[in-house]
Amino acid sequence: MNYDELLERALKKMPQRAEDKGRFEIPRASSITVGNRTIIKNFKEIADTFRRDPNHLLKYLSGELATQGIIEGMTAVCSGRFSNPQINEKVERYAHAYVICHECGKPDTKITKEERVHMLKCEACGAFHPIKTV
């Protein structure tokens, strides 16, 4: 076999890399306050963009905002009055802790469990990074 054939054979055995579809932007929350409750109108959209379970995201936000929250359809309802900048800061922290790869900076990650430790596994570069449980 010559070099080109060996190279072609090696490339076929390599895993498919995630396609770079442009710059990933952390979604901004759109919220309104009704009485003593804050409604995050695009909550499901944020969870879908992150490719995370909405319950995981809600549990994180509830802990960070020190409140209770429930999911109602496409929205999340939190007890208490919170401003858009407060919520967006928490969403951004969540993205950096549980979505964006610490090695390559891409959002192509998933949360796995290795024995008793939760890990952030990057599907783009293959890196593993331990994360805190929510």
Protein backbone atom coordinates (compact mmCIF):
# COMPACT_ATOMS: atom_id res chain seq x y z
CA MET A 1 0.00 0.00 0.00
CA ASN A 2 1.18 3.49 -0.75
CA TYR A 3 0.88 6.53 1.47
CA ASP A 4 -2.39 7.82 -0.05
CA GLU A 5 -4.15 4.48 0.43
CA LEU A 6 -2.97 4.24 4.05
CA LEU A 7 -4.08 7.81 4.71
CA GLU A 8 -7.51 7.14 3.20
CA ARG A 9 -7.88 3.98 5.30
CA ALA A 10 -6.91 5.83 8.49
CA LEU A 11 -9.35 8.67 7.78
CA LYS A 12 -12.22 6.20 7.33
CA LYS A 13 -11.53 4.76 10.80
CA MET A 14 -11.48 8.18 12.50
CA PRO A 15 -14.67 9.25 14.35
CA GLN A 16 -16.83 11.85 12.66
CA ARG A 17 -16.09 15.29 14.08
CA ALA A 18 -18.82 17.68 14.96
CA GLU A 19 -19.33 20.25 12.25
CA ASP A 20 -18.53 23.81 13.14
CA LYS A 21 -21.82 25.58 12.49
CA GLY A 22 -20.61 29.01 13.41
CA ARG A 23 -20.24 30.73 16.71
CA PHE A 24 -22.36 29.40 19.58
CA GLU A 25 -24.28 32.09 21.40
CA ILE A 26 -25.69 31.60 24.86
CA PRO A 27 -29.44 32.28 24.62
CA ARG A 28 -30.87 35.21 26.54
CA ALA A 29 -33.79 34.65 28.87
CA SER A 30 -36.99 36.54 28.26
CA SER A 31 -38.84 36.96 31.53
CA ILE A 32 -41.75 38.86 33.01
CA THR A 33 -42.76 39.44 36.60
CA VAL A 34 -46.37 38.81 37.59
CA GLY A 35 -47.04 39.62 41.21
CA ASN A 36 -44.46 37.76 43.24
CA ARG A 37 -43.60 35.27 40.49
CA THR A 38 -41.12 35.47 37.64
CA ILE A 39 -41.96 33.67 34.40
CA ILE A 40 -39.15 32.72 32.03
CA LYS A 41 -41.03 32.69 28.73
CA ASN A 42 -38.38 31.00 26.56
CA PHE A 43 -37.20 28.44 29.12
CA LYS A 44 -37.77 25.36 26.91
CA GLU A 45 -35.94 27.07 24.04
CA ILE A 46 -32.91 27.69 26.29
CA ALA A 47 -32.84 24.05 27.44
CA ASP A 48 -33.17 22.85 23.82
CA THR A 49 -30.31 25.11 22.70
CA PHE A 50 -28.12 23.67 25.46
CA ARG A 51 -29.32 20.11 24.65
CA ARG A 52 -29.98 19.57 28.35
CA ASP A 53 -32.90 18.20 30.34
CA PRO A 54 -35.13 21.16 31.31
CA ASN A 55 -35.41 19.72 34.85
CA HIS A 56 -31.60 19.88 35.22
CA LEU A 57 -31.52 23.53 34.12
CA LEU A 58 -34.46 24.41 36.39
CA LYS A 59 -32.84 22.70 39.37
CA TYR A 60 -29.66 24.73 38.79
CA LEU A 61 -31.53 28.03 38.39
CA SER A 62 -33.68 27.34 41.46
CA GLY A 63 -30.58 26.67 43.53
CA GLU A 64 -28.74 29.74 42.26
CA LEU A 65 -31.73 32.04 42.72
CA ALA A 66 -32.60 30.40 46.08
CA THR A 67 -36.22 29.84 45.11
CA GLN A 68 -38.67 27.21 43.98
CA GLY A 69 -39.48 26.74 40.34
CA ILE A 70 -41.77 24.64 38.18
CA ILE A 71 -42.01 23.99 34.46
CA GLU A 72 -45.33 24.87 32.84
CA GLY A 73 -45.30 23.92 29.17
CA MET A 74 -42.66 26.02 27.41
CA THR A 75 -42.08 28.31 30.40
CA ALA A 76 -40.60 28.13 33.89
CA VAL A 77 -42.24 29.84 36.84
CA CYS A 78 -40.09 30.88 39.80
CA SER A 79 -41.32 32.18 43.13
CA GLY A 80 -39.94 35.67 43.71
CA ARG A 81 -39.11 38.74 41.67
CA PHE A 82 -35.98 38.45 39.51
CA SER A 83 -34.72 40.78 36.81
CA ASN A 84 -33.71 39.68 33.32
CA PRO A 85 -30.00 40.45 34.00
CA GLN A 86 -30.09 38.27 37.14
CA ILE A 87 -31.55 35.33 35.23
CA ASN A 88 -29.23 35.80 32.26
CA GLU A 89 -26.20 35.78 34.56
CA LYS A 90 -27.29 32.42 36.00
CA VAL A 91 -28.01 30.99 32.52
CA GLU A 92 -24.53 32.07 31.41
CA ARG A 93 -22.94 30.44 34.47
CA TYR A 94 -24.86 27.24 33.71
CA ALA A 95 -23.58 27.26 30.13
CA HIS A 96 -19.96 27.62 31.21
CA ALA A 97 -20.27 24.96 33.92
CA TYR A 98 -22.48 22.35 32.21
CA VAL A 99 -22.55 22.96 28.44
CA ILE A 100 -19.37 24.48 26.99
CA CYS A 101 -16.27 22.25 26.77
CA HIS A 102 -13.46 23.43 29.03
CA GLU A 103 -10.83 22.33 26.50
CA CYS A 104 -12.05 23.38 23.04
CA GLY A 105 -14.85 25.80 23.94
CA LYS A 106 -17.52 24.08 21.84
CA PRO A 107 -21.04 23.35 23.08
CA ASP A 108 -21.04 19.78 21.68
CA THR A 109 -21.08 18.11 25.09
CA LYS A 110 -23.15 15.70 27.10
CA ILE A 111 -23.27 14.84 30.79
CA THR A 112 -22.29 11.28 31.64
CA LYS A 113 -21.76 9.45 34.91
CA GLU A 114 -18.51 7.57 35.53
CA GLU A 115 -18.96 5.50 38.69
CA ARG A 116 -20.09 8.17 41.19
CA VAL A 117 -18.73 11.22 39.36
CA HIS A 118 -20.65 13.27 36.80
CA MET A 119 -18.50 14.16 33.80
CA LEU A 120 -18.86 16.64 30.95
CA LYS A 121 -17.84 14.74 27.81
CA CYS A 122 -17.07 16.72 24.67
CA GLU A 123 -18.20 15.06 21.45
CA ALA A 124 -16.00 17.38 19.38
CA CYS A 125 -12.58 16.87 21.00
CA GLY A 126 -13.22 13.89 23.32
CA ALA A 127 -12.23 15.69 26.52
CA PHE A 128 -13.65 14.64 29.91
CA HIS A 129 -14.08 17.08 32.75
CA PRO A 130 -15.65 16.40 36.18
CA ILE A 131 -18.60 18.63 37.09
CA LYS A 132 -20.52 19.34 40.28
CA THR A 133 -23.88 17.69 40.69
CA VAL A 134 -26.83 20.06 40.80
